[in-house]
Amino acid sequence: MPETRIIEFTLREVAKALVIDSDIHEGFWGIMFKFGIQGANISPGPKDDLTPAAIVPILNMALQRFDVPNNLTVDAAKVNPRGKTTSNKKPAPKKKSAPSKKPAVRKIRVPKKA
């Protein structure tokens, strides 16, 4: 059987996964994308004339809270109820201690010349 290279998800499936991963338990949440736009003159083919075109990259993806449910949202109370434990939750990052006032001294052993 050939190796799977593409696994597709609906926007609601992504929203559900991010709501659970973000430990959100209330509200209607959906996916949003931030787009950038640039213009360029491109040639559709090797011998075609240039034509103006728009290049629209996806800059980031985020969860957005909605006031009312719609076809893109999930209800966090249903998909991630309080008290539900997830086995794949990452522990909270440890806080770094304040740096000491003394700079760290690194001892280097220098070989003696013969």
Foldseek 3Di string as FASTA:
>chain_A
DDDDDDDDDDQAVVQLVVLQQVVPAFAKKFKDWDKDKDKDWDAPDPPGDTDIDIDIDTPDMDIDGDPDDDPGIDGNNVSPNPPDDDPPHDDDDDDDDDDDPDDDDDDDDDDDDD
